[in-house]
PDB file of N, CA and C in Angstrom:
ATOM      1  N   MET A   1       0.434  -7.366 -11.542  1.00  0.00           N
ATOM      2  CA  MET A   1       0.225  -8.047 -12.656  1.00  0.00           C
ATOM      3  C   MET A   1       0.322  -7.137 -13.808  1.00  0.00           C
ATOM      4  N   CYS A   2       0.655  -7.783 -15.036  1.00  0.00           N
ATOM      5  CA  CYS A   2       1.013  -7.059 -16.188  1.00  0.00           C
ATOM      6  C   CYS A   2       0.258  -7.728 -17.238  1.00  0.00           C
ATOM      7  N   HIS A   3      -0.623  -7.020 -17.825  1.00  0.00           N
ATOM      8  CA  HIS A   3      -1.336  -7.618 -18.994  1.00  0.00           C
ATOM      9  C   HIS A   3      -1.905  -9.071 -18.706  1.00  0.00           C
ATOM     10  N   GLY A   4      -2.421  -8.951 -17.243  1.00  0.00           N
ATOM     11  CA  GLY A   4      -3.355 -10.213 -16.787  1.00  0.00           C
ATOM     12  C   GLY A   4      -2.383 -11.247 -16.074  1.00  0.00           C
ATOM     13  N   ARG A   5      -1.123 -10.965 -15.997  1.00  0.00           N
ATOM     14  CA  ARG A   5      -0.047 -11.965 -15.714  1.00  0.00           C
ATOM     15  C   ARG A   5       0.781 -11.588 -14.511  1.00  0.00           C
ATOM     16  N   THR A   6       0.940 -12.432 -13.659  1.00  0.00           N
ATOM     17  CA  THR A   6       1.920 -12.063 -12.468  1.00  0.00           C
ATOM     18  C   THR A   6       3.236 -11.807 -12.839  1.00  0.00           C
ATOM     19  N   ILE A   7       3.894 -10.623 -12.572  1.00  0.00           N
ATOM     20  CA  ILE A   7       5.374 -10.546 -12.767  1.00  0.00           C
ATOM     21  C   ILE A   7       6.130 -11.074 -11.645  1.00  0.00           C
ATOM     22  N   ASN A   8       7.260 -11.419 -11.934  1.00  0.00           N
ATOM     23  CA  ASN A   8       8.279 -11.818 -10.861  1.00  0.00           C
ATOM     24  C   ASN A   8       8.908 -10.637 -10.312  1.00  0.00           C
ATOM     25  N   ASN A   9       9.538 -10.954  -9.164  1.00  0.00           N
ATOM     26  CA  ASN A   9      10.056 -10.133  -8.138  1.00  0.00           C
ATOM     27  C   ASN A   9      11.069  -9.255  -8.783  1.00  0.00           C
ATOM     28  N   ASP A  10      12.107  -9.703  -9.659  1.00  0.00           N
ATOM     29  CA  ASP A  10      12.992  -8.793 -10.132  1.00  0.00           C
ATOM     30  C   ASP A  10      12.598  -7.832 -11.124  1.00  0.00           C
ATOM     31  N   THR A  11      11.387  -8.184 -11.993  1.00  0.00           N
ATOM     32  CA  THR A  11      10.670  -7.289 -12.618  1.00  0.00           C
ATOM     33  C   THR A  11      10.126  -6.203 -11.977  1.00  0.00           C
ATOM     34  N   PHE A  12       9.473  -6.664 -10.818  1.00  0.00           N
ATOM     35  CA  PHE A  12       8.704  -5.813  -9.986  1.00  0.00           C
ATOM     36  C   PHE A  12       9.720  -4.655  -9.501  1.00  0.00           C
ATOM     37  N   ASN A  13      10.809  -5.142  -8.964  1.00  0.00           N
ATOM     38  CA  ASN A  13      11.814  -4.116  -8.437  1.00  0.00           C
ATOM     39  C   ASN A  13      12.511  -3.272  -9.318  1.00  0.00           C
ATOM     40  N   GLU A  14      12.642  -3.707 -10.660  1.00  0.00           N
ATOM     41  CA  GLU A  14      13.241  -2.969 -11.672  1.00  0.00           C
ATOM     42  C   GLU A  14      12.157  -1.795 -11.885  1.00  0.00           C
ATOM     43  N   ARG A  15      10.930  -2.060 -12.035  1.00  0.00           N
ATOM     44  CA  ARG A  15       9.850  -1.128 -12.245  1.00  0.00           C
ATOM     45  C   ARG A  15       9.875   0.099 -10.994  1.00  0.00           C
ATOM     46  N   LEU A  16       9.831  -0.799  -9.871  1.00  0.00           N
ATOM     47  CA  LEU A  16       9.911   0.243  -8.660  1.00  0.00           C
ATOM     48  C   LEU A  16      11.051   1.256  -8.709  1.00  0.00           C
ATOM     49  N   ARG A  17      12.218   0.711  -8.860  1.00  0.00           N
ATOM     50  CA  ARG A  17      13.331   1.554  -8.940  1.00  0.00           C
ATOM     51  C   ARG A  17      13.131   2.581  -9.770  1.00  0.00           C
ATOM     52  N   LYS A  18      12.625   2.273 -11.128  1.00  0.00           N
ATOM     53  CA  LYS A  18      12.342   3.419 -12.175  1.00  0.00           C
ATOM     54  C   LYS A  18      11.341   4.397 -11.627  1.00  0.00           C
ATOM     55  N   TYR A  19      10.256   3.982 -10.980  1.00  0.00           N
ATOM     56  CA  TYR A  19       9.313   4.626 -10.671  1.00  0.00           C
ATOM     57  C   TYR A  19       9.790   5.819  -9.279  1.00  0.00           C
ATOM     58  N   CYS A  20      10.578   5.149  -8.391  1.00  0.00           N
ATOM     59  CA  CYS A  20      11.146   5.894  -7.516  1.00  0.00           C
ATOM     60  C   CYS A  20      12.184   7.029  -8.013  1.00  0.00           C
ATOM     61  N   ASN A  21      12.925   6.381  -9.036  1.00  0.00           N
ATOM     62  CA  ASN A  21      13.873   7.409  -9.536  1.00  0.00           C
ATOM     63  C   ASN A  21      13.025   8.664 -10.236  1.00  0.00           C
ATOM     64  N   ASP A  22      12.047   8.332 -11.141  1.00  0.00           N
ATOM     65  CA  ASP A  22      11.428   9.433 -11.689  1.00  0.00           C
ATOM     66  C   ASP A  22      10.662  10.244 -10.631  1.00  0.00           C
ATOM     67  N   ALA A  23      10.270   9.806  -9.467  1.00  0.00           N
ATOM     68  CA  ALA A  23       9.577  10.536  -8.491  1.00  0.00           C
ATOM     69  C   ALA A  23      10.427  11.324  -7.573  1.00  0.00           C
ATOM     70  N   GLY A  24      11.937  10.934  -7.590  1.00  0.00           N
ATOM     71  CA  GLY A  24      12.883  11.579  -6.770  1.00  0.00           C
ATOM     72  C   GLY A  24      12.770  11.244  -5.422  1.00  0.00           C
ATOM     73  N   VAL A  25      12.401   9.864  -5.220  1.00  0.00           N
ATOM     74  CA  VAL A  25      12.337   9.392  -3.926  1.00  0.00           C
ATOM     75  C   VAL A  25      13.363   8.251  -3.899  1.00  0.00           C
ATOM     76  N   PRO A  26      14.064   7.950  -2.680  1.00  0.00           N
ATOM     77  CA  PRO A  26      14.793   6.820  -2.497  1.00  0.00           C
ATOM     78  C   PRO A  26      14.316   5.442  -2.816  1.00  0.00           C
ATOM     79  N   TYR A  27      14.971   4.675  -3.514  1.00  0.00           N
ATOM     80  CA  TYR A  27      14.665   3.290  -3.795  1.00  0.00           C
ATOM     81  C   TYR A  27      14.683   2.448  -2.723  1.00  0.00           C
ATOM     82  N   LYS A  28      13.810   1.450  -2.465  1.00  0.00           N
ATOM     83  CA  LYS A  28      13.609   0.463  -1.374  1.00  0.00           C
ATOM     84  C   LYS A  28      13.237  -0.667  -2.248  1.00  0.00           C
ATOM     85  N   SER A  29      13.925  -1.811  -1.955  1.00  0.00           N
ATOM     86  CA  SER A  29      13.152  -2.975  -2.634  1.00  0.00           C
ATOM     87  C   SER A  29      12.108  -3.479  -2.010  1.00  0.00           C
ATOM     88  N   SER A  30      11.264  -4.399  -2.715  1.00  0.00           N
ATOM     89  CA  SER A  30       9.988  -4.750  -2.345  1.00  0.00           C
ATOM     90  C   SER A  30      10.096  -5.620  -1.009  1.00  0.00           C
ATOM     91  N   HIS A  31      11.327  -6.220  -0.769  1.00  0.00           N
ATOM     92  CA  HIS A  31      11.756  -6.950   0.346  1.00  0.00           C
ATOM     93  C   HIS A  31      11.685  -6.097   1.588  1.00  0.00           C
ATOM     94  N   LYS A  32      12.416  -4.874   1.497  1.00  0.00           N
ATOM     95  CA  LYS A  32      12.520  -3.889   2.490  1.00  0.00           C
ATOM     96  C   LYS A  32      11.200  -3.209   2.680  1.00  0.00           C
ATOM     97  N   LEU A  33      10.340  -3.030   1.761  1.00  0.00           N
ATOM     98  CA  LEU A  33       9.099  -2.425   1.974  1.00  0.00           C
ATOM     99  C   LEU A  33       8.192  -3.467   2.783  1.00  0.00           C
ATOM    100  N   ARG A  34       8.372  -4.705   2.578  1.00  0.00           N
ATOM    101  CA  ARG A  34       7.686  -5.628   3.636  1.00  0.00           C
ATOM    102  C   ARG A  34       8.005  -5.449   4.941  1.00  0.00           C
ATOM    103  N   PHE A  35       9.332  -5.306   5.312  1.00  0.00           N
ATOM    104  CA  PHE A  35       9.694  -5.318   6.546  1.00  0.00           C
ATOM    105  C   PHE A  35       9.093  -3.722   7.074  1.00  0.00           C
ATOM    106  N   THR A  36       9.160  -2.761   6.135  1.00  0.00           N
ATOM    107  CA  THR A  36       8.725  -1.553   6.918  1.00  0.00           C
ATOM    108  C   THR A  36       7.223  -1.576   7.107  1.00  0.00           C
ATOM    109  N   VAL A  37       6.420  -2.295   6.129  1.00  0.00           N
ATOM    110  CA  VAL A  37       4.947  -2.381   6.554  1.00  0.00           C
ATOM    111  C   VAL A  37       4.728  -3.299   7.725  1.00  0.00           C
ATOM    112  N   ALA A  38       5.361  -4.255   7.862  1.00  0.00           N
ATOM    113  CA  ALA A  38       5.185  -5.059   8.975  1.00  0.00           C
ATOM    114  C   ALA A  38       5.650  -4.218  10.437  1.00  0.00           C
ATOM    115  N   SER A  39       6.729  -3.598  10.340  1.00  0.00           N
ATOM    116  CA  SER A  39       7.246  -3.122  11.502  1.00  0.00           C
ATOM    117  C   SER A  39       6.338  -1.809  11.831  1.00  0.00           C
ATOM    118  N   THR A  40       5.863  -1.063  10.918  1.00  0.00           N
ATOM    119  CA  THR A  40       4.889   0.079  11.046  1.00  0.00           C
ATOM    120  C   THR A  40       3.641  -0.247  11.561  1.00  0.00           C
ATOM    121  N   LEU A  41       3.039  -1.257  11.055  1.00  0.00           N
ATOM    122  CA  LEU A  41       1.745  -1.890  11.546  1.00  0.00           C
ATOM    123  C   LEU A  41       1.827  -2.365  13.100  1.00  0.00           C
ATOM    124  N   LYS A  42       3.021  -3.235  13.210  1.00  0.00           N
ATOM    125  CA  LYS A  42       3.070  -3.749  14.695  1.00  0.00           C
ATOM    126  C   LYS A  42       3.259  -2.615  15.581  1.00  0.00           C
ATOM    127  N   ALA A  43       4.098  -1.674  15.331  1.00  0.00           N
ATOM    128  CA  ALA A  43       4.299  -0.475  16.118  1.00  0.00           C
ATOM    129  C   ALA A  43       2.906   0.369  16.445  1.00  0.00           C
ATOM    130  N   ALA A  44       2.080   0.299  15.508  1.00  0.00           N
ATOM    131  CA  ALA A  44       0.825   0.884  15.608  1.00  0.00           C
ATOM    132  C   ALA A  44      -0.160   0.177  16.263  1.00  0.00           C
ATOM    133  N   GLY A  45       0.240  -1.179  16.855  1.00  0.00           N
ATOM    134  CA  GLY A  45      -0.688  -1.983  17.512  1.00  0.00           C
ATOM    135  C   GLY A  45      -1.359  -3.154  16.764  1.00  0.00           C
ATOM    136  N   VAL A  46      -1.102  -3.382  15.642  1.00  0.00           N
ATOM    137  CA  VAL A  46      -1.667  -4.502  14.817  1.00  0.00           C
ATOM    138  C   VAL A  46      -1.254  -5.767  15.540  1.00  0.00           C
ATOM    139  N   GLU A  47      -2.266  -6.623  15.639  1.00  0.00           N
ATOM    140  CA  GLU A  47      -1.903  -7.910  16.132  1.00  0.00           C
ATOM    141  C   GLU A  47      -1.047  -8.833  15.201  1.00  0.00           C
ATOM    142  N   THR A  48      -0.127  -9.615  15.719  1.00  0.00           N
ATOM    143  CA  THR A  48       0.733 -10.238  14.735  1.00  0.00           C
ATOM    144  C   THR A  48      -0.243 -11.131  13.873  1.00  0.00           C
ATOM    145  N   ALA A  49      -1.200 -11.872  14.496  1.00  0.00           N
ATOM    146  CA  ALA A  49      -1.997 -12.912  13.626  1.00  0.00           C
ATOM    147  C   ALA A  49      -2.463 -11.981  12.297  1.00  0.00           C
ATOM    148  N   TYR A  50      -2.910 -10.997  12.432  1.00  0.00           N
ATOM    149  CA  TYR A  50      -3.449 -10.207  11.441  1.00  0.00           C
ATOM    150  C   TYR A  50      -2.203  -9.809  10.509  1.00  0.00           C
ATOM    151  N   LEU A  51      -1.065  -9.516  11.129  1.00  0.00           N
ATOM    152  CA  LEU A  51       0.033  -9.255  10.101  1.00  0.00           C
ATOM    153  C   LEU A  51       0.332 -10.556   9.247  1.00  0.00           C
ATOM    154  N   GLN A  52       0.433 -11.528   9.930  1.00  0.00           N
ATOM    155  CA  GLN A  52       0.700 -12.747   9.248  1.00  0.00           C
ATOM    156  C   GLN A  52      -0.237 -12.967   8.125  1.00  0.00           C
ATOM    157  N   LYS A  53      -1.641 -12.928   8.208  1.00  0.00           N
ATOM    158  CA  LYS A  53      -2.579 -13.029   7.214  1.00  0.00           C
ATOM    159  C   LYS A  53      -2.343 -12.094   6.239  1.00  0.00           C
ATOM    160  N   THR A  54      -1.921 -10.777   6.570  1.00  0.00           N
ATOM    161  CA  THR A  54      -1.834  -9.649   5.546  1.00  0.00           C
ATOM    162  C   THR A  54      -0.886  -9.951   4.590  1.00  0.00           C
ATOM    163  N   LEU A  55       0.559 -10.273   5.386  1.00  0.00           N
ATOM    164  CA  LEU A  55       1.587 -10.564   4.623  1.00  0.00           C
ATOM    165  C   LEU A  55       1.772 -11.920   3.785  1.00  0.00           C
ATOM    166  N   GLY A  56       0.702 -12.762   4.081  1.00  0.00           N
ATOM    167  CA  GLY A  56       0.620 -13.932   3.406  1.00  0.00           C
ATOM    168  C   GLY A  56       1.485 -15.012   3.945  1.00  0.00           C
ATOM    169  N   HIS A  57       2.185 -15.040   5.177  1.00  0.00           N
ATOM    170  CA  HIS A  57       3.046 -15.919   5.838  1.00  0.00           C
ATOM    171  C   HIS A  57       2.332 -17.052   6.053  1.00  0.00           C
ATOM    172  N   SER A  58       2.876 -18.288   5.929  1.00  0.00           N
ATOM    173  CA  SER A  58       2.184 -19.454   6.340  1.00  0.00           C
ATOM    174  C   SER A  58       2.379 -19.838   7.822  1.00  0.00           C
ATOM    175  N   ASN A  59       3.237 -19.113   8.402  1.00  0.00           N
ATOM    176  CA  ASN A  59       3.657 -19.391   9.912  1.00  0.00           C
ATOM    177  C   ASN A  59       4.078 -18.091  10.565  1.00  0.00           C
ATOM    178  N   ARG A  60       3.790 -18.042  11.937  1.00  0.00           N
ATOM    179  CA  ARG A  60       4.108 -16.928  12.885  1.00  0.00           C
ATOM    180  C   ARG A  60       5.411 -16.572  12.887  1.00  0.00           C
ATOM    181  N   ALA A  61       6.238 -17.653  12.735  1.00  0.00           N
ATOM    182  CA  ALA A  61       7.723 -17.523  12.823  1.00  0.00           C
ATOM    183  C   ALA A  61       8.303 -16.536  11.850  1.00  0.00           C
ATOM    184  N   MET A  62       7.750 -16.576  10.769  1.00  0.00           N
ATOM    185  CA  MET A  62       8.090 -15.630   9.583  1.00  0.00           C
ATOM    186  C   MET A  62       7.923 -14.356   9.795  1.00  0.00           C
ATOM    187  N   THR A  63       6.497 -14.169  10.223  1.00  0.00           N
ATOM    188  CA  THR A  63       6.015 -12.908  10.533  1.00  0.00           C
ATOM    189  C   THR A  63       6.861 -12.181  11.601  1.00  0.00           C
ATOM    190  N   GLU A  64       7.170 -12.961  12.640  1.00  0.00           N
ATOM    191  CA  GLU A  64       7.994 -12.477  13.906  1.00  0.00           C
ATOM    192  C   GLU A  64       9.383 -12.019  13.557  1.00  0.00           C
ATOM    193  N   HIS A  65       9.842 -12.717  12.404  1.00  0.00           N
ATOM    194  CA  HIS A  65      11.254 -12.527  11.871  1.00  0.00           C
ATOM    195  C   HIS A  65      11.007 -11.116  11.195  1.00  0.00           C
ATOM    196  N   TYR A  66      10.010 -10.708  10.310  1.00  0.00           N
ATOM    197  CA  TYR A  66       9.941  -9.422   9.825  1.00  0.00           C
ATOM    198  C   TYR A  66       9.824  -8.348  10.935  1.00  0.00           C
ATOM    199  N   ILE A  67       9.131  -8.557  11.921  1.00  0.00           N
ATOM    200  CA  ILE A  67       9.007  -7.662  13.241  1.00  0.00           C
ATOM    201  C   ILE A  67      10.211  -7.498  13.925  1.00  0.00           C
ATOM    202  N   ASN A  68      10.956  -8.645  14.076  1.00  0.00           N
ATOM    203  CA  ASN A  68      12.056  -8.442  15.097  1.00  0.00           C
ATOM    204  C   ASN A  68      13.338  -7.951  14.297  1.00  0.00           C
ATOM    205  N   GLU A  69      13.453  -8.159  13.008  1.00  0.00           N
ATOM    206  CA  GLU A  69      14.466  -7.672  12.070  1.00  0.00           C
ATOM    207  C   GLU A  69      14.494  -6.093  12.066  1.00  0.00           C
ATOM    208  N   THR A  70      13.231  -5.586  12.128  1.00  0.00           N
ATOM    209  CA  THR A  70      13.074  -4.213  12.063  1.00  0.00           C
ATOM    210  C   THR A  70      13.055  -3.386  13.385  1.00  0.00           C
ATOM    211  N   ALA A  71      13.201  -3.975  14.442  1.00  0.00           N
ATOM    212  CA  ALA A  71      12.986  -3.427  15.964  1.00  0.00           C
ATOM    213  C   ALA A  71      14.434  -2.301  15.924  1.00  0.00           C
ATOM    214  N   GLU A  72      14.049  -1.415  16.323  1.00  0.00           N
ATOM    215  CA  GLU A  72      15.412  -0.533  16.561  1.00  0.00           C
ATOM    216  C   GLU A  72      16.372  -0.690  17.650  1.00  0.00           C
ATOM    217  N   GLU A  73      17.377  -0.776  17.349  1.00  0.00           N
ATOM    218  CA  GLU A  73      18.459  -1.280  18.341  1.00  0.00           C
ATOM    219  C   GLU A  73      19.219  -0.015  18.883  1.00  0.00           C
ATOM    220  N   PRO A  74      19.572  -0.220  20.172  1.00  0.00           N
ATOM    221  CA  PRO A  74      20.324   0.949  20.831  1.00  0.00           C
ATOM    222  C   PRO A  74      21.472   1.347  19.938  1.00  0.00           C
ATOM    223  N   LYS A  75      21.984   2.491  19.848  1.00  0.00           N
ATOM    224  CA  LYS A  75      23.060   2.850  18.957  1.00  0.00           C
ATOM    225  C   LYS A  75      24.686   2.680  19.571  1.00  0.00           C
ATOM    226  N   ASN A  76      24.494   2.569  20.966  1.00  0.00           N
ATOM    227  CA  ASN A  76      25.831   2.321  21.570  1.00  0.00           C
ATOM    228  C   ASN A  76      25.633   1.476  22.936  1.00  0.00           C
ATOM    229  N   ILE A  77      26.784   1.148  23.372  1.00  0.00           N
ATOM    230  CA  ILE A  77      26.903   0.370  24.721  1.00  0.00           C
ATOM    231  C   ILE A  77      26.210   0.886  25.806  1.00  0.00           C
ATOM    232  N   GLU A  78      26.379   2.296  25.897  1.00  0.00           N
ATOM    233  CA  GLU A  78      25.620   2.940  27.005  1.00  0.00           C
ATOM    234  C   GLU A  78      24.065   3.046  26.817  1.00  0.00           C
ATOM    235  N   ASP A  79      23.510   3.073  25.684  1.00  0.00           N
ATOM    236  CA  ASP A  79      22.056   2.938  25.485  1.00  0.00           C
ATOM    237  C   ASP A  79      21.656   1.437  25.729  1.00  0.00           C
ATOM    238  N   GLN A  80      22.361   0.242  25.417  1.00  0.00           N
ATOM    239  CA  GLN A  80      22.228  -0.871  25.640  1.00  0.00           C
ATOM    240  C   GLN A  80      22.114  -1.125  27.236  1.00  0.00           C
ATOM    241  N   LEU A  81      23.047  -0.564  28.083  1.00  0.00           N
ATOM    242  CA  LEU A  81      23.226  -0.681  29.361  1.00  0.00           C
ATOM    243  C   LEU A  81      21.799  -0.003  30.079  1.00  0.00           C
ATOM    244  N   MET A  82      21.577   1.261  29.758  1.00  0.00           N
ATOM    245  CA  MET A  82      20.452   1.934  30.224  1.00  0.00           C
ATOM    246  C   MET A  82      19.173   1.206  30.192  1.00  0.00           C
ATOM    247  N   ASN A  83      19.066   0.571  28.726  1.00  0.00           N
ATOM    248  CA  ASN A  83      17.887  -0.375  28.295  1.00  0.00           C
ATOM    249  C   ASN A  83      17.786  -1.467  29.250  1.00  0.00           C
ATOM    250  N   ALA A  84      18.936  -2.168  29.455  1.00  0.00           N
ATOM    251  CA  ALA A  84      18.816  -3.391  30.242  1.00  0.00           C
ATOM    252  C   ALA A  84      18.524  -3.116  31.712  1.00  0.00           C
ATOM    253  N   LEU A  85      18.897  -2.030  32.193  1.00  0.00           N
ATOM    254  CA  LEU A  85      18.667  -1.570  33.546  1.00  0.00           C
ATOM    255  C   LEU A  85      17.310  -0.727  33.725  1.00  0.00           C
ATOM    256  N   SER A  86      16.734  -0.593  32.430  1.00  0.00           N
ATOM    257  CA  SER A  86      15.476   0.243  32.658  1.00  0.00           C
ATOM    258  C   SER A  86      15.492   1.574  33.178  1.00  0.00           C
ATOM    259  N   ILE A  87      16.695   2.233  32.798  1.00  0.00           N
ATOM    260  CA  ILE A  87      16.968   3.493  33.202  1.00  0.00           C
ATOM    261  C   ILE A  87      16.609   4.578  32.035  1.00  0.00           C
ATOM    262  N   CYS A  88      16.173   5.704  32.185  1.00  0.00           N
ATOM    263  CA  CYS A  88      15.924   6.640  31.101  1.00  0.00           C
ATOM    264  C   CYS A  88      17.148   6.768  30.616  1.00  0.00           C
TER     265      CYS A  88
END
């Protein structure tokens, strides 16, 4: 909120970019931050229903999209094969 009014996403991200630059930390858009929050909380064991409520999603599918998009993928075909075969 700015002066009691909601700010739009572009304005929020412009300000976030400035604050990140001022602090010397890498900028990540608000959209990327939502993915980070969702995946971090899910990895910590938070239930999907609670994430859905926290993120303000109207349906579970959207929340699962945020969680699934951030799942770490194997770096190469050997890792994929080992994962598929459940081998260390």
